[in-house]
Amino acid sequence: MPHDRRDGVVKFGRFTLDVRTEELQEGEKRLAIQGKPLELLLTLLENPGQLVTRETLYERLWPGLSGDCQRGLDTAVKKLRKVLGDAAERPSYIETLPRRGYRLLAPVSVTASSHQLHRETEHQHLSAPIPPK
């Protein structure tokens, strides 16, 4: 996902994630998402259609932790699937690649954030010609 992680609006399937505010929406409905499932989602969104290994996810979600993170990752995946209404048996969003990792199946598009859009609109307004009286 070629964007600044702190900014941007990411659309995938019927969902929208404002990366800056960490707000996940399905249409107009805001969805509650916790820290680890959110971090998991961000990692998958950065690598759409690609295998993200369990080791990569361990390092991303639990940096510097040398202990066993398998249960924590499994829990984060379950919670994310629940938020997205996805099923492991017939996934629409998160595919499990057994013993290797996960892959995001939905197409991803990144748009400018509301902050960026506001700045662009402001700039266009300032550079627009003054209409005749």
C-alpha atoms as a PDB file:
ATOM      1  CA  MET A   1       0.000   0.000   0.000  1.00  0.00           C
ATOM      2  CA  PRO A   2       2.118   2.904  -1.207  1.00  0.00           C
ATOM      3  CA  HIS A   3       1.115   5.641   1.209  1.00  0.00           C
ATOM      4  CA  ASP A   4       2.182   7.309   4.389  1.00  0.00           C
ATOM      5  CA  ARG A   5       0.981   4.982   7.176  1.00  0.00           C
ATOM      6  CA  ARG A   6      -0.155   7.945   9.241  1.00  0.00           C
ATOM      7  CA  ASP A   7      -2.444   9.355   6.583  1.00  0.00           C
ATOM      8  CA  GLY A   8      -4.794   8.231   3.849  1.00  0.00           C
ATOM      9  CA  VAL A   9      -8.093   6.497   3.372  1.00  0.00           C
ATOM     10  CA  VAL A  10      -7.929   2.867   2.298  1.00  0.00           C
ATOM     11  CA  LYS A  11     -10.854   1.141   0.622  1.00  0.00           C
ATOM     12  CA  PHE A  12     -11.097  -2.629   0.401  1.00  0.00           C
ATOM     13  CA  GLY A  13     -14.268  -4.487  -0.434  1.00  0.00           C
ATOM     14  CA  ARG A  14     -17.175  -2.800   1.326  1.00  0.00           C
ATOM     15  CA  PHE A  15     -14.898  -1.296   4.002  1.00  0.00           C
ATOM     16  CA  THR A  16     -13.051   1.988   4.414  1.00  0.00           C
ATOM     17  CA  LEU A  17     -10.211   2.608   6.861  1.00  0.00           C
ATOM     18  CA  ASP A  18      -9.043   6.116   7.704  1.00  0.00           C
ATOM     19  CA  VAL A  19      -5.461   5.368   8.660  1.00  0.00           C
ATOM     20  CA  ARG A  20      -4.929   8.682  10.462  1.00  0.00           C
ATOM     21  CA  THR A  21      -7.911   8.319  12.785  1.00  0.00           C
ATOM     22  CA  GLU A  22      -7.888   4.483  12.786  1.00  0.00           C
ATOM     23  CA  GLU A  23     -11.624   4.464  12.007  1.00  0.00           C
ATOM     24  CA  LEU A  24     -12.967   1.445  10.162  1.00  0.00           C
ATOM     25  CA  GLN A  25     -16.309   1.793   8.416  1.00  0.00           C
ATOM     26  CA  GLU A  26     -18.648  -0.452   6.511  1.00  0.00           C
ATOM     27  CA  GLY A  27     -20.606   2.009   4.419  1.00  0.00           C
ATOM     28  CA  GLU A  28     -21.677   4.677   6.903  1.00  0.00           C
ATOM     29  CA  LYS A  29     -21.466   2.356   9.931  1.00  0.00           C
ATOM     30  CA  ARG A  30     -18.410   2.705  12.188  1.00  0.00           C
ATOM     31  CA  LEU A  31     -16.944  -0.555  13.385  1.00  0.00           C
ATOM     32  CA  ALA A  32     -15.030  -1.101  16.606  1.00  0.00           C
ATOM     33  CA  ILE A  33     -11.591  -2.598  16.046  1.00  0.00           C
ATOM     34  CA  GLN A  34      -8.944  -3.262  18.688  1.00  0.00           C
ATOM     35  CA  GLY A  35      -5.210  -2.552  18.511  1.00  0.00           C
ATOM     36  CA  LYS A  36      -3.732  -5.893  17.421  1.00  0.00           C
ATOM     37  CA  PRO A  37      -6.463  -6.675  14.854  1.00  0.00           C
ATOM     38  CA  LEU A  38      -6.047  -3.130  13.506  1.00  0.00           C
ATOM     39  CA  GLU A  39      -2.281  -3.555  13.208  1.00  0.00           C
ATOM     40  CA  LEU A  40      -2.865  -6.904  11.491  1.00  0.00           C
ATOM     41  CA  LEU A  41      -5.286  -5.249   9.054  1.00  0.00           C
ATOM     42  CA  LEU A  42      -2.820  -2.446   8.290  1.00  0.00           C
ATOM     43  CA  THR A  43      -0.092  -4.997   7.571  1.00  0.00           C
ATOM     44  CA  LEU A  44      -2.337  -6.980   5.229  1.00  0.00           C
ATOM     45  CA  LEU A  45      -3.487  -3.776   3.491  1.00  0.00           C
ATOM     46  CA  GLU A  46       0.135  -2.853   2.847  1.00  0.00           C
ATOM     47  CA  ASN A  47       0.618  -6.187   1.029  1.00  0.00           C
ATOM     48  CA  PRO A  48      -2.648  -6.891  -0.846  1.00  0.00           C
ATOM     49  CA  GLY A  49      -2.717 -10.244  -2.599  1.00  0.00           C
ATOM     50  CA  GLN A  50       0.655 -11.236  -1.141  1.00  0.00           C
ATOM     51  CA  LEU A  51       1.556 -13.776   1.511  1.00  0.00           C
ATOM     52  CA  VAL A  52       2.362 -12.077   4.806  1.00  0.00           C
ATOM     53  CA  THR A  53       4.240 -14.641   6.848  1.00  0.00           C
ATOM     54  CA  ARG A  54       3.436 -15.443  10.439  1.00  0.00           C
ATOM     55  CA  GLU A  55       6.993 -14.369  11.352  1.00  0.00           C
ATOM     56  CA  THR A  56       6.467 -10.958   9.732  1.00  0.00           C
ATOM     57  CA  LEU A  57       3.216 -10.545  11.646  1.00  0.00           C
ATOM     58  CA  TYR A  58       4.838 -11.605  14.945  1.00  0.00           C
ATOM     59  CA  GLU A  59       7.530  -8.951  14.461  1.00  0.00           C
ATOM     60  CA  ARG A  60       4.999  -6.295  13.459  1.00  0.00           C
ATOM     61  CA  LEU A  61       2.436  -6.923  16.184  1.00  0.00           C
ATOM     62  CA  TRP A  62       4.868  -7.789  18.978  1.00  0.00           C
ATOM     63  CA  PRO A  63       8.180  -6.064  18.128  1.00  0.00           C
ATOM     64  CA  GLY A  64      11.130  -7.243  20.171  1.00  0.00           C
ATOM     65  CA  LEU A  65       9.183 -10.030  21.852  1.00  0.00           C
ATOM     66  CA  SER A  66      11.025 -13.319  21.662  1.00  0.00           C
ATOM     67  CA  GLY A  67       8.288 -15.473  23.192  1.00  0.00           C
ATOM     68  CA  ASP A  68       5.630 -17.545  21.451  1.00  0.00           C
ATOM     69  CA  CYS A  69       3.111 -15.236  19.763  1.00  0.00           C
ATOM     70  CA  GLN A  70       1.145 -17.909  17.907  1.00  0.00           C
ATOM     71  CA  ARG A  71      -1.922 -17.751  20.151  1.00  0.00           C
ATOM     72  CA  GLY A  72      -1.936 -13.974  20.090  1.00  0.00           C
ATOM     73  CA  LEU A  73      -1.824 -13.914  16.296  1.00  0.00           C
ATOM     74  CA  ASP A  74      -4.551 -16.537  16.031  1.00  0.00           C
ATOM     75  CA  THR A  75      -6.716 -14.425  18.352  1.00  0.00           C
ATOM     76  CA  ALA A  76      -6.025 -11.228  16.371  1.00  0.00           C
ATOM     77  CA  VAL A  77      -7.003 -12.987  13.128  1.00  0.00           C
ATOM     78  CA  LYS A  78     -10.232 -14.308  14.679  1.00  0.00           C
ATOM     79  CA  LYS A  79     -11.147 -10.850  15.985  1.00  0.00           C
ATOM     80  CA  LEU A  80     -10.401  -9.212  12.632  1.00  0.00           C
ATOM     81  CA  ARG A  81     -12.463 -11.805  10.782  1.00  0.00           C
ATOM     82  CA  LYS A  82     -15.339 -11.183  13.182  1.00  0.00           C
ATOM     83  CA  VAL A  83     -15.226  -7.416  12.562  1.00  0.00           C
ATOM     84  CA  LEU A  84     -15.138  -7.971   8.788  1.00  0.00           C
ATOM     85  CA  GLY A  85     -17.802 -10.686   8.873  1.00  0.00           C
ATOM     86  CA  ASP A  86     -15.349 -13.033   7.152  1.00  0.00           C
ATOM     87  CA  ALA A  87     -15.212 -16.826   7.440  1.00  0.00           C
ATOM     88  CA  ALA A  88     -12.012 -18.874   7.459  1.00  0.00           C
ATOM     89  CA  GLU A  89     -13.762 -21.662   5.538  1.00  0.00           C
ATOM     90  CA  ARG A  90     -14.847 -19.391   2.647  1.00  0.00           C
ATOM     91  CA  PRO A  91     -12.887 -16.165   2.993  1.00  0.00           C
ATOM     92  CA  SER A  92     -13.723 -12.962   1.177  1.00  0.00           C
ATOM     93  CA  TYR A  93     -10.986 -10.923   2.857  1.00  0.00           C
ATOM     94  CA  ILE A  94      -8.399 -12.968   4.769  1.00  0.00           C
ATOM     95  CA  GLU A  95      -7.070 -16.198   3.318  1.00  0.00           C
ATOM     96  CA  THR A  96      -5.140 -18.540   5.597  1.00  0.00           C
ATOM     97  CA  LEU A  97      -2.079 -20.173   4.079  1.00  0.00           C
ATOM     98  CA  PRO A  98      -1.586 -23.013   6.586  1.00  0.00           C
ATOM     99  CA  ARG A  99       1.593 -22.817   8.663  1.00  0.00           C
ATOM    100  CA  ARG A 100       2.836 -19.937   6.494  1.00  0.00           C
ATOM    101  CA  GLY A 101       0.679 -16.856   7.025  1.00  0.00           C
ATOM    102  CA  TYR A 102      -2.194 -14.855   5.571  1.00  0.00           C
ATOM    103  CA  ARG A 103      -3.168 -13.035   2.412  1.00  0.00           C
ATOM    104  CA  LEU A 104      -5.636 -10.178   1.846  1.00  0.00           C
ATOM    105  CA  LEU A 105      -7.944 -11.145  -1.005  1.00  0.00           C
ATOM    106  CA  ALA A 106      -9.868  -7.915  -1.579  1.00  0.00           C
ATOM    107  CA  PRO A 107      -8.622  -5.249  -3.990  1.00  0.00           C
ATOM    108  CA  VAL A 108      -7.216  -2.209  -2.192  1.00  0.00           C
ATOM    109  CA  SER A 109      -7.365   1.439  -3.213  1.00  0.00           C
ATOM    110  CA  VAL A 110      -5.815   4.382  -1.387  1.00  0.00           C
ATOM    111  CA  THR A 111      -7.213   7.892  -1.597  1.00  0.00           C
ATOM    112  CA  ALA A 112      -6.150  11.196  -0.146  1.00  0.00           C
ATOM    113  CA  SER A 113      -7.077  11.834   3.444  1.00  0.00           C
ATOM    114  CA  SER A 114      -9.603  14.447   4.464  1.00  0.00           C
ATOM    115  CA  HIS A 115      -6.671  16.592   5.654  1.00  0.00           C
ATOM    116  CA  GLN A 116      -4.978  16.311   2.243  1.00  0.00           C
ATOM    117  CA  LEU A 117      -8.263  16.983   0.441  1.00  0.00           C
ATOM    118  CA  HIS A 118      -8.840  20.063   2.584  1.00  0.00           C
ATOM    119  CA  ARG A 119      -5.373  21.411   1.715  1.00  0.00           C
ATOM    120  CA  GLU A 120      -5.911  20.705  -2.002  1.00  0.00           C
ATOM    121  CA  THR A 121      -9.310  22.411  -1.967  1.00  0.00           C
ATOM    122  CA  GLU A 122      -7.841  25.375  -0.098  1.00  0.00           C
ATOM    123  CA  HIS A 123      -5.019  25.608  -2.656  1.00  0.00           C
ATOM    124  CA  GLN A 124      -7.459  25.406  -5.585  1.00  0.00           C
ATOM    125  CA  HIS A 125      -9.615  28.107  -4.014  1.00  0.00           C
ATOM    126  CA  LEU A 126      -6.643  30.441  -3.562  1.00  0.00           C
ATOM    127  CA  SER A 127      -5.373  29.919  -7.103  1.00  0.00           C
ATOM    128  CA  ALA A 128      -8.767  30.184  -8.800  1.00  0.00           C
ATOM    129  CA  PRO A 129      -9.306  33.285 -10.930  1.00  0.00           C
ATOM    130  CA  ILE A 130     -11.467  35.969  -9.401  1.00  0.00           C
ATOM    131  CA  PRO A 131     -14.807  36.076 -11.225  1.00  0.00           C
ATOM    132  CA  PRO A 132     -15.697  39.360 -12.955  1.00  0.00           C
ATOM    133  CA  LYS A 133     -18.215  41.622 -11.226  1.00  0.00           C
END
